[in-house]
């Protein structure tokens, strides 16, 4: 993550000079201008309308909210559900798509942006509101507001104040993070609907939700609403991924493209019905084309230093799956933190489930191994019993017959084997020797365990008598004069 807590560097020049397109925060490719002054924080500013990356409606980072929006012709979902080629419901007529220039570039407004930049530079460096030394204090106050990203900068009595937002190039509470790029195609038809309800409520009322969405689509019998997945979001919100299956009269079916379905949901009357169902956000889940990714990476968002943007592209851990996105303000940082915590909880829950499954499988494996050993013993027992039955049956069958040549040959082989086994130096001799050694060791151990110390009775009687005599007639010590 590349942080940008310093004042972004920009190209300074004369007032009104036009800089290279720096890209809007939500509209990529907007033209910005720079104005030189005594103020040191000269950087490109942008007042273009916010779009994909955080407009006034906080829709988060969604690749489907701007890419693939249709304009011009109708989508065919409202009144033309029964017309068209093949499937008819979602007409296969070619829809007029917006070009990359319209998607990523807002109409250039060089004079307005130039005046805005000049006013911002004047408010930060040389306000002329009071005409004395207090203007320097006002300039520092405006700088502080610009760094914070809120407030108004007064600089002239005849010109309205400058509105400082977090998207201004001098705001220090900015960073660059990374988001996963979706890998679904437009033909998959996946559209994300964010509900301001809990996941448990959505799952318990999933059938009613599907019926309500089917009514929103006009109740056409050729259309079927399917739920791809349900995921919990922070702040008691739930993400529901849906797709529509359209059946044609000849029996074939297909998925409605995601852009077509999203364009239908963005109609005013349809959007109102979705809001009544609790939908706060809708967007497509489609992958970006190489041209869109290139256009997105070439133009840094509004207020983000191009150097920081280039560093973010270099630090991208996986350029094939991740794309840098700006994070402006603590609110966006808090949102990403909540999403990360939510995903961590989901991963931990999944790990717990996997751990329980592994424990259960280990128990099943232990039980299965014990059963296998039991069945092996049973198989061996049955094999011996079967062999005994076969021997007895063969004896009865051969009863009264002379010994045949092959039987005689087999008897000779068995006798040879028996002699080899009974040889002193072969297995049976060695086994007898080992058995004798084991018996001797067991005998010695038993003898040692039975050993007891005892005294002869006559000797014991003499010892007692000697003790009594010593007590009765004790010896006197020698006399000394």
Protein backbone atom coordinates (compact mmCIF):
# COMPACT_ATOMS: atom_id res chain seq x y z
CA UNK A 1 0.00 0.00 0.00
CA UNK A 2 1.46 3.33 -1.05
CA UNK A 3 0.51 6.14 1.35
CA UNK A 4 0.47 9.79 0.40
CA UNK A 5 0.44 11.85 3.57
CA UNK A 6 2.61 14.58 2.14
CA UNK A 7 1.64 17.34 -0.20
CA UNK A 8 1.64 15.85 -3.70
CA UNK A 9 4.12 17.23 -6.10
CA UNK A 10 2.90 18.72 -9.32
CA UNK A 11 4.13 20.70 -12.30
CA UNK A 12 4.18 24.39 -11.73
CA UNK A 13 3.95 26.99 -14.43
CA UNK A 14 2.33 30.24 -15.34
CA UNK A 15 -1.23 30.99 -14.39
CA UNK A 16 -3.65 29.31 -16.71
CA UNK A 17 -1.12 26.91 -18.20
CA UNK A 18 -2.65 23.62 -19.21
CA UNK A 19 -1.11 20.47 -17.76
CA UNK A 20 -1.28 16.93 -19.10
CA UNK A 21 -4.50 15.05 -18.38
CA UNK A 22 -4.29 13.82 -14.82
CA UNK A 23 -7.49 11.84 -14.71
CA UNK A 24 -10.48 12.41 -12.48
CA UNK A 25 -11.09 10.63 -9.25
CA UNK A 26 -14.15 9.13 -10.76
CA UNK A 27 -13.88 10.23 -14.38
CA UNK A 28 -10.60 9.14 -15.89
CA UNK A 29 -8.92 11.41 -18.35
CA UNK A 30 -10.29 14.76 -17.24
CA UNK A 31 -8.13 17.72 -18.07
CA UNK A 32 -6.61 19.61 -15.18
CA UNK A 33 -4.54 22.77 -15.12
CA UNK A 34 -1.91 24.18 -12.82
CA UNK A 35 -1.26 27.72 -11.79
CA UNK A 36 2.04 29.02 -10.50
CA UNK A 37 2.20 31.32 -7.51
CA UNK A 38 4.26 31.99 -4.44
CA UNK A 39 2.53 29.09 -2.70
CA UNK A 40 4.77 26.02 -2.68
CA UNK A 41 2.01 23.39 -2.96
CA UNK A 42 1.43 23.64 -6.68
CA UNK A 43 -0.28 20.49 -7.92
CA UNK A 44 -3.00 19.66 -10.40
CA UNK A 45 -6.54 20.09 -9.16
CA UNK A 46 -9.65 18.60 -10.61
CA UNK A 47 -13.27 19.52 -10.21
CA UNK A 48 -14.71 16.96 -12.56
CA UNK A 49 -17.69 14.96 -11.45
CA UNK A 50 -16.89 11.89 -9.45
CA UNK A 51 -17.84 8.58 -10.97
CA UNK A 52 -16.41 5.12 -10.58
CA UNK A 53 -14.17 5.61 -7.55
CA UNK A 54 -16.32 7.32 -4.99
CA UNK A 55 -18.93 9.83 -5.97
CA UNK A 56 -21.37 11.49 -3.66
CA UNK A 57 -23.07 8.13 -3.35
CA UNK A 58 -20.64 5.83 -1.65
CA UNK A 59 -20.89 2.77 -3.88
CA UNK A 60 -17.46 1.39 -3.12
CA UNK A 61 -15.15 0.04 -5.78
CA UNK A 62 -17.27 -1.76 -8.31
CA UNK A 63 -16.15 -2.48 -11.80
CA UNK A 64 -19.69 -2.80 -13.01
CA UNK A 65 -21.04 0.57 -11.99
CA UNK A 66 -19.43 2.43 -14.86
CA UNK A 67 -18.00 -0.11 -17.27
CA UNK A 68 -20.60 -1.38 -19.64
CA UNK A 69 -23.30 1.22 -19.05
CA UNK A 70 -25.56 1.37 -22.10
CA UNK A 71 -26.91 4.56 -23.55
CA UNK A 72 -29.12 5.43 -26.45
CA UNK A 73 -31.29 2.47 -27.35
CA UNK A 74 -33.53 0.79 -24.80
CA UNK A 75 -32.40 -2.38 -23.13
CA UNK A 76 -35.40 -4.39 -24.23
CA UNK A 77 -36.25 -5.44 -20.69
CA UNK A 78 -39.19 -3.16 -20.11
CA UNK A 79 -41.48 -3.24 -23.10
CA UNK A 80 -39.65 -5.51 -25.49
CA UNK A 81 -39.54 -8.71 -23.46
CA UNK A 82 -41.46 -10.54 -26.17
CA UNK A 83 -39.55 -9.32 -29.20
CA UNK A 84 -36.12 -9.85 -30.66
CA UNK A 85 -34.19 -12.56 -32.43
CA UNK A 86 -34.08 -16.04 -31.01
CA UNK A 87 -34.69 -15.37 -27.32
CA UNK A 88 -36.82 -12.30 -27.75
CA UNK A 89 -37.10 -11.46 -24.07
CA UNK A 90 -33.76 -9.73 -23.90
CA UNK A 91 -33.50 -8.51 -27.44
CA UNK A 92 -30.30 -9.39 -29.27
CA UNK A 93 -30.31 -6.09 -31.11
CA UNK A 94 -26.98 -4.31 -31.04
CA UNK A 95 -26.98 -1.77 -28.23
CA UNK A 96 -25.02 1.40 -28.41
CA UNK A 97 -22.24 1.14 -25.83
CA UNK A 98 -20.35 4.07 -24.50
CA UNK A 99 -16.78 4.32 -25.70
CA UNK A 100 -13.77 4.31 -23.47
CA UNK A 101 -13.47 8.01 -23.98
CA UNK A 102 -16.94 8.48 -22.57
CA UNK A 103 -16.34 6.01 -19.76
CA UNK A 104 -13.02 7.20 -18.55
CA UNK A 105 -13.01 10.82 -19.70
CA UNK A 106 -15.38 13.54 -18.66
CA UNK A 107 -15.92 16.46 -21.03
CA UNK A 108 -13.06 18.82 -20.65
CA UNK A 109 -13.87 22.13 -19.01
CA UNK A 110 -10.53 23.87 -19.21
CA UNK A 111 -11.70 27.43 -18.36
CA UNK A 112 -13.72 26.33 -15.32
CA UNK A 113 -10.98 24.08 -13.99
CA UNK A 114 -8.36 26.73 -14.65
CA UNK A 115 -10.35 29.29 -12.68
CA UNK A 116 -10.91 26.77 -9.91
CA UNK A 117 -7.20 26.03 -9.69
CA UNK A 118 -6.31 29.71 -9.70
CA UNK A 119 -8.82 30.40 -6.94
CA UNK A 120 -7.49 27.46 -4.91
CA UNK A 121 -3.90 28.71 -5.29
CA UNK A 122 -4.96 32.23 -4.32
CA UNK A 123 -6.79 30.96 -1.23
CA UNK A 124 -3.77 28.94 -0.12
CA UNK A 125 -0.99 31.38 -0.91
CA UNK A 126 -2.13 34.99 -1.29
CA UNK A 127 -5.67 35.81 -0.11
CA UNK A 128 -6.67 39.48 -0.44
CA UNK A 129 -9.73 39.44 1.76
CA UNK A 130 -8.64 41.88 4.49
CA UNK A 131 -5.68 43.64 2.93
CA UNK A 132 -3.35 43.43 5.94
CA UNK A 133 -1.21 40.93 7.85
CA UNK A 134 -4.31 38.94 8.74
CA UNK A 135 -4.38 37.59 5.19
CA UNK A 136 -1.24 35.56 5.98
CA UNK A 137 -3.03 33.98 8.93
CA UNK A 138 -6.04 33.30 6.69
CA UNK A 139 -3.76 31.64 4.13
CA UNK A 140 -2.40 29.28 6.79
CA UNK A 141 -5.94 28.50 7.90
CA UNK A 142 -6.92 27.72 4.30
CA UNK A 143 -3.88 25.47 4.00
CA UNK A 144 -4.93 23.62 7.12
CA UNK A 145 -8.44 23.15 5.73
CA UNK A 146 -7.03 21.94 2.43
CA UNK A 147 -4.79 19.43 4.22
CA UNK A 148 -7.76 18.16 6.24
CA UNK A 149 -10.05 18.09 3.19
CA UNK A 150 -13.01 20.05 4.52
CA UNK A 151 -14.17 23.63 4.86
CA UNK A 152 -14.23 26.74 2.69
CA UNK A 153 -11.34 28.95 1.68
CA UNK A 154 -12.10 32.68 1.60
CA UNK A 155 -9.64 34.75 -0.36
CA UNK A 156 -11.47 37.62 -2.10
CA UNK A 157 -14.53 39.71 -1.32
CA UNK A 158 -15.79 39.58 -4.92
CA UNK A 159 -15.25 35.87 -5.58
CA UNK A 160 -17.07 33.00 -3.83
CA UNK A 161 -14.93 30.90 -1.48
CA UNK A 162 -13.25 27.72 -2.57
CA UNK A 163 -14.84 24.48 -1.35
CA UNK A 164 -12.23 22.10 0.05
CA UNK A 165 -13.07 18.41 -0.27
CA UNK A 166 -11.05 15.29 0.37
CA UNK A 167 -10.53 14.94 -3.38
CA UNK A 168 -8.49 18.15 -3.57
CA UNK A 169 -4.81 17.53 -4.40
CA UNK A 170 -3.60 18.97 -1.08
CA UNK A 171 -5.56 16.64 1.18
CA UNK A 172 -3.13 14.52 3.13
CA UNK A 173 -5.52 11.75 4.21
CA UNK A 174 -5.05 9.67 1.10
CA UNK A 175 -3.62 6.28 0.35
CA UNK A 176 -3.61 3.74 -2.43
CA UNK A 177 -4.84 0.20 -1.84
CA UNK A 178 -5.61 -2.79 -4.06
CA UNK A 179 -8.82 -4.50 -5.03
CA UNK A 180 -9.43 -7.80 -6.78
CA UNK A 181 -10.49 -7.62 -10.38
CA UNK A 182 -13.51 -9.80 -11.24
CA UNK A 183 -12.89 -12.58 -13.72
CA UNK A 184 -16.47 -13.16 -14.83
CA UNK A 185 -17.50 -12.47 -18.38
CA UNK A 186 -20.46 -10.41 -19.48
CA UNK A 187 -22.12 -13.57 -20.80
CA UNK A 188 -22.20 -14.97 -17.25
CA UNK A 189 -24.80 -12.32 -16.42
CA UNK A 190 -23.77 -11.81 -12.78
CA UNK A 191 -25.21 -8.69 -11.15
CA UNK A 192 -24.57 -7.73 -7.53
CA UNK A 193 -27.38 -6.33 -5.39
CA UNK A 194 -26.51 -4.94 -1.95
CA UNK A 195 -29.38 -5.08 0.57
CA UNK A 196 -29.55 -3.19 3.85
CA UNK A 197 -30.65 -6.39 5.61
CA UNK A 198 -28.90 -9.11 7.52
CA UNK A 199 -27.82 -12.32 5.84
CA UNK A 200 -30.13 -14.41 8.03
CA UNK A 201 -33.13 -12.35 6.92
CA UNK A 202 -32.16 -12.67 3.27
CA UNK A 203 -31.69 -16.44 3.49
CA UNK A 204 -34.95 -16.95 5.36
CA UNK A 205 -36.84 -14.91 2.74
CA UNK A 206 -34.86 -15.98 -0.32
CA UNK A 207 -37.87 -17.41 -2.16
CA UNK A 208 -39.91 -14.23 -1.57
CA UNK A 209 -36.93 -12.19 -2.77
CA UNK A 210 -36.70 -14.19 -6.00
CA UNK A 211 -40.42 -13.72 -6.62
CA UNK A 212 -40.17 -9.98 -5.96
CA UNK A 213 -37.26 -9.63 -8.39
CA UNK A 214 -39.25 -11.60 -10.97
CA UNK A 215 -42.09 -9.11 -10.59
CA UNK A 216 -39.61 -6.25 -11.03
CA UNK A 217 -38.59 -7.84 -14.34
CA UNK A 218 -42.20 -7.70 -15.48
CA UNK A 219 -43.34 -11.18 -14.43
CA UNK A 220 -42.40 -12.67 -17.79
CA UNK A 221 -42.74 -16.46 -17.70
CA UNK A 222 -39.71 -16.92 -19.97
CA UNK A 223 -37.43 -15.36 -17.35
CA UNK A 224 -36.09 -17.15 -14.27
CA UNK A 225 -34.25 -15.43 -11.43
CA UNK A 226 -31.39 -17.45 -9.92
CA UNK A 227 -29.27 -16.64 -6.88
CA UNK A 228 -25.57 -17.29 -7.42
CA UNK A 229 -24.42 -16.50 -3.88
CA UNK A 230 -25.13 -14.61 -0.67
CA UNK A 231 -22.40 -12.96 1.40
CA UNK A 232 -22.43 -10.88 4.57
CA UNK A 233 -21.17 -7.29 4.43
CA UNK A 234 -20.35 -4.89 7.28
CA UNK A 235 -23.03 -2.70 8.88
CA UNK A 236 -25.71 -5.42 8.63
CA UNK A 237 -25.68 -5.43 4.85
CA UNK A 238 -25.83 -8.41 2.52
CA UNK A 239 -24.51 -8.95 -0.99
CA UNK A 240 -26.68 -11.06 -3.29
CA UNK A 241 -25.35 -12.15 -6.69
CA UNK A 242 -28.05 -13.02 -9.20
CA UNK A 243 -28.36 -13.97 -12.84
CA UNK A 244 -31.34 -14.33 -15.19
CA UNK A 245 -32.08 -17.34 -17.38
CA UNK A 246 -34.18 -16.64 -20.45
CA UNK A 247 -35.91 -19.49 -22.27
CA UNK A 248 -36.84 -19.24 -25.92
CA UNK A 249 -39.93 -20.83 -27.53
CA UNK A 250 -37.78 -23.52 -29.20
CA UNK A 251 -36.64 -24.83 -25.82
CA UNK A 252 -33.15 -23.37 -25.65
CA UNK A 253 -32.04 -21.03 -22.88
CA UNK A 254 -29.28 -18.54 -22.17
CA UNK A 255 -28.11 -16.13 -19.51
CA UNK A 256 -28.98 -12.50 -19.91
CA UNK A 257 -25.77 -10.40 -20.26
CA UNK A 258 -24.78 -8.56 -17.11
CA UNK A 259 -24.65 -5.15 -18.80
CA UNK A 260 -28.18 -5.58 -20.15
CA UNK A 261 -29.57 -6.56 -16.76
CA UNK A 262 -27.69 -3.76 -15.01
CA UNK A 263 -28.96 -1.18 -17.49
CA UNK A 264 -32.51 -2.37 -16.80
CA UNK A 265 -32.01 -2.07 -13.04
CA UNK A 266 -30.67 1.47 -13.46
CA UNK A 267 -33.91 2.74 -14.99
CA UNK A 268 -35.65 5.21 -12.73
CA UNK A 269 -38.85 3.28 -12.14
CA UNK A 270 -37.03 -0.05 -11.73
CA UNK A 271 -34.50 1.49 -9.37
CA UNK A 272 -37.33 2.83 -7.22
CA UNK A 273 -38.85 -0.65 -6.97
CA UNK A 274 -35.47 -2.12 -6.00
CA UNK A 275 -35.04 0.52 -3.30
CA UNK A 276 -38.39 -0.51 -1.89
CA UNK A 277 -37.02 -4.05 -1.62
CA UNK A 278 -34.03 -2.73 0.34
CA UNK A 279 -31.47 -2.52 -2.46
CA UNK A 280 -28.89 0.20 -1.82
CA UNK A 281 -26.45 -0.59 -4.63
CA UNK A 282 -26.38 -2.56 -7.86
CA UNK A 283 -23.41 -3.26 -10.08
CA UNK A 284 -22.21 -5.78 -12.62
CA UNK A 285 -19.49 -8.31 -11.91
CA UNK A 286 -17.62 -8.44 -15.18
CA UNK A 287 -13.96 -8.48 -16.00
CA UNK A 288 -12.15 -5.47 -17.44
CA UNK A 289 -10.88 -5.43 -20.96
CA UNK A 290 -7.15 -4.81 -21.52
CA UNK A 291 -7.97 -1.38 -22.98
CA UNK A 292 -9.97 -0.43 -19.90
CA UNK A 293 -7.20 -1.59 -17.55
CA UNK A 294 -4.61 0.35 -19.54
CA UNK A 295 -6.73 3.50 -19.54
CA UNK A 296 -7.35 3.10 -15.80
CA UNK A 297 -3.69 2.72 -14.93
CA UNK A 298 -2.37 5.44 -17.20
CA UNK A 299 -4.43 8.24 -15.65
CA UNK A 300 -4.06 8.70 -11.88
CA UNK A 301 -7.28 9.61 -10.06
CA UNK A 302 -8.00 13.21 -9.11
CA UNK A 303 -5.93 14.46 -6.22
CA UNK A 304 -3.50 11.51 -6.28
CA UNK A 305 0.12 12.35 -6.99
CA UNK A 306 1.27 10.70 -10.24
CA UNK A 307 4.46 9.60 -8.49
CA UNK A 308 2.45 7.84 -5.78
CA UNK A 309 0.25 6.27 -8.46
CA UNK A 310 3.27 4.98 -10.36
CA UNK A 311 4.75 3.59 -7.16
CA UNK A 312 1.45 1.87 -6.40
CA UNK A 313 1.57 0.18 -9.81
CA UNK A 314 5.14 -0.97 -9.15
CA UNK A 315 4.25 -2.30 -5.68
CA UNK A 316 1.25 -4.25 -6.97
CA UNK A 317 1.75 -7.79 -5.58
CA UNK A 318 -0.24 -9.39 -8.42
CA UNK A 319 -0.89 -7.20 -11.43
CA UNK A 320 -2.93 -9.96 -13.08
CA UNK A 321 -5.52 -10.10 -10.28
CA UNK A 322 -5.22 -6.82 -8.35
CA UNK A 323 -5.64 -3.22 -9.40
CA UNK A 324 -4.67 -0.09 -7.41
CA UNK A 325 -7.55 2.02 -6.10
CA UNK A 326 -7.38 5.29 -4.16
CA UNK A 327 -8.56 5.50 -0.56
CA UNK A 328 -9.54 9.01 0.43
CA UNK A 329 -10.48 9.89 3.98
CA UNK A 330 -10.96 7.88 7.13
CA UNK A 331 -14.45 6.80 6.08
CA UNK A 332 -13.13 4.83 3.13
CA UNK A 333 -10.33 3.41 5.26
CA UNK A 334 -12.88 2.34 7.88
CA UNK A 335 -15.03 0.73 5.19
CA UNK A 336 -12.11 -1.31 3.86
CA UNK A 337 -11.14 -2.26 7.42
CA UNK A 338 -14.66 -3.53 8.11
CA UNK A 339 -14.69 -5.49 4.87
CA UNK A 340 -11.32 -7.01 5.73
CA UNK A 341 -12.53 -7.97 9.22
CA UNK A 342 -15.64 -9.50 7.69
CA UNK A 343 -13.60 -11.52 5.21
CA UNK A 344 -11.26 -12.62 8.00
CA UNK A 345 -14.23 -13.88 10.01
CA UNK A 346 -15.55 -15.74 6.98
CA UNK A 347 -12.15 -17.31 6.36
CA UNK A 348 -11.89 -18.31 10.02
CA UNK A 349 -15.37 -19.82 9.89
CA UNK A 350 -14.42 -21.77 6.80
CA UNK A 351 -11.20 -22.94 8.47
CA UNK A 352 -13.19 -24.09 11.50
CA UNK A 353 -15.52 -26.05 9.24
CA UNK A 354 -12.56 -27.62 7.45
CA UNK A 355 -10.95 -28.47 10.80
CA UNK A 356 -14.13 -30.19 11.97
CA UNK A 357 -14.32 -32.10 8.70
CA UNK A 358 -10.69 -33.21 9.09
CA UNK A 359 -11.33 -34.38 12.67
CA UNK A 360 -14.38 -36.32 11.54
CA UNK A 361 -12.42 -37.87 8.68
CA UNK A 362 -9.64 -38.86 11.07
CA UNK A 363 -12.17 -40.58 13.33
CA UNK A 364 -13.67 -42.34 10.33
CA UNK A 365 -10.21 -43.39 9.20
CA UNK A 366 -9.38 -44.86 12.63
CA UNK A 367 -12.68 -46.75 12.68
CA UNK A 368 -12.13 -47.96 9.14
CA UNK A 369 -8.60 -49.18 9.90
CA UNK A 370 -9.87 -51.11 12.93
CA UNK A 371 -12.60 -52.69 10.81
CA UNK A 372 -10.08 -53.58 8.11
CA UNK A 373 -7.85 -55.32 10.67
CA UNK A 374 -10.86 -57.17 12.05
CA UNK A 375 -11.94 -58.25 8.60
CA UNK A 376 -8.39 -59.42 7.82
CA UNK A 377 -8.38 -61.67 10.88
CA UNK A 378 -11.82 -62.94 9.98
CA UNK A 379 -10.69 -63.59 6.41
CA UNK A 380 -7.67 -65.55 7.61
CA UNK A 381 -9.85 -67.61 9.94
CA UNK A 382 -12.31 -68.33 7.18
CA UNK A 383 -9.47 -69.22 4.82
CA UNK A 384 -8.14 -71.79 7.32
CA UNK A 385 -11.57 -73.24 7.83
CA UNK A 386 -12.12 -73.42 4.08
CA UNK A 387 -8.77 -75.13 3.64
CA UNK A 388 -9.67 -77.71 6.31
CA UNK A 389 -12.99 -78.38 4.61
CA UNK A 390 -11.24 -78.80 1.27
CA UNK A 391 -8.71 -81.21 2.82
CA UNK A 392 -11.42 -83.38 4.34
CA UNK A 393 -13.42 -83.32 1.15
CA UNK A 394 -10.38 -84.28 -0.91
CA UNK A 395 -9.58 -87.12 1.49
CA UNK A 396 -13.09 -88.50 1.18
CA UNK A 397 -13.01 -88.14 -2.59
CA UNK A 398 -9.69 -89.96 -2.92
CA UNK A 399 -10.65 -92.65 -0.44
CA UNK A 400 -10.07 -96.17 -1.92
CA UNK A 401 -7.92 -94.95 -4.81
CA UNK A 402 -4.24 -95.70 -5.26
CA UNK A 403 -1.72 -92.93 -4.95
CA UNK A 404 -1.23 -91.20 -8.27
CA UNK A 405 2.04 -90.07 -9.79
CA UNK A 406 1.47 -86.39 -9.20
CA UNK A 407 0.46 -87.10 -5.59
CA UNK A 408 3.58 -89.15 -5.08
CA UNK A 409 5.68 -86.32 -6.50
CA UNK A 410 3.97 -83.87 -4.19
CA UNK A 411 4.57 -86.19 -1.20
CA UNK A 412 8.27 -86.37 -2.05
CA UNK A 413 8.49 -82.59 -2.20
CA UNK A 414 6.74 -82.28 1.17
CA UNK A 415 9.06 -84.84 2.73
CA UNK A 416 12.07 -82.95 1.41
CA UNK A 417 10.78 -79.75 2.89
CA UNK A 418 10.04 -81.48 6.19
CA UNK A 419 13.59 -82.86 6.33
CA UNK A 420 15.05 -79.45 5.66
CA UNK A 421 12.99 -77.96 8.42
CA UNK A 422 13.93 -80.73 10.88
CA UNK A 423 17.66 -80.45 10.18
CA UNK A 424 19.66 -79.36 13.29
CA UNK A 425 21.09 -76.36 11.49
CA UNK A 426 17.83 -75.29 9.92
CA UNK A 427 14.85 -73.46 11.22
CA UNK A 428 13.40 -76.10 13.49
CA UNK A 429 16.74 -76.75 15.22
CA UNK A 430 17.29 -73.09 15.80
CA UNK A 431 13.74 -72.70 17.01
CA UNK A 432 14.21 -75.58 19.51
CA UNK A 433 17.41 -74.00 20.75
CA UNK A 434 15.70 -70.68 21.28
CA UNK A 435 12.83 -72.37 23.07
CA UNK A 436 15.22 -74.20 25.40
CA UNK A 437 17.01 -70.97 26.23
CA UNK A 438 13.73 -69.28 26.99
CA UNK A 439 12.69 -72.15 29.29
CA UNK A 440 16.02 -71.99 31.13
CA UNK A 441 15.71 -68.26 31.66
CA UNK A 442 12.20 -68.71 32.97
CA UNK A 443 13.38 -71.51 35.31
CA UNK A 444 16.26 -69.43 36.68
CA UNK A 445 13.93 -66.52 37.22
CA UNK A 446 11.49 -68.72 39.12
CA UNK A 447 14.30 -70.19 41.26
CA UNK A 448 15.62 -66.74 42.14
CA UNK A 449 12.19 -65.56 43.08
CA UNK A 450 11.72 -68.58 45.43
CA UNK A 451 15.08 -68.26 47.31
CA UNK A 452 14.71 -67.68 51.08
CA UNK A 453 17.38 -67.36 53.82
CA UNK A 454 16.81 -69.54 56.94
CA UNK A 455 18.77 -70.73 60.06
CA UNK A 456 19.07 -74.26 61.28
CA UNK A 457 16.94 -74.97 64.40
CA UNK A 458 19.87 -76.36 66.48
CA UNK A 459 21.99 -73.39 65.60
CA UNK A 460 19.20 -71.03 66.51
CA UNK A 461 18.82 -72.81 69.91
CA UNK A 462 22.51 -72.49 70.66
CA UNK A 463 22.40 -68.78 69.83
CA UNK A 464 19.56 -68.30 72.25
CA UNK A 465 21.37 -70.22 75.01
CA UNK A 466 24.51 -68.15 74.57
CA UNK A 467 22.49 -64.98 74.92
CA UNK A 468 20.82 -66.16 78.14
CA UNK A 469 24.09 -67.30 79.72
CA UNK A 470 25.70 -63.97 79.00
CA UNK A 471 22.80 -62.18 80.67
CA UNK A 472 22.90 -64.41 83.84
CA UNK A 473 26.64 -64.60 84.39
CA UNK A 474 28.12 -61.50 83.05
CA UNK A 475 31.87 -61.22 83.00
CA UNK A 476 33.46 -58.83 85.52
CA UNK A 477 36.13 -56.43 84.51
CA UNK A 478 39.70 -57.25 85.70
CA UNK A 479 40.62 -56.14 89.25
CA UNK A 480 43.03 -53.33 89.60
CA UNK A 481 44.72 -52.32 92.87
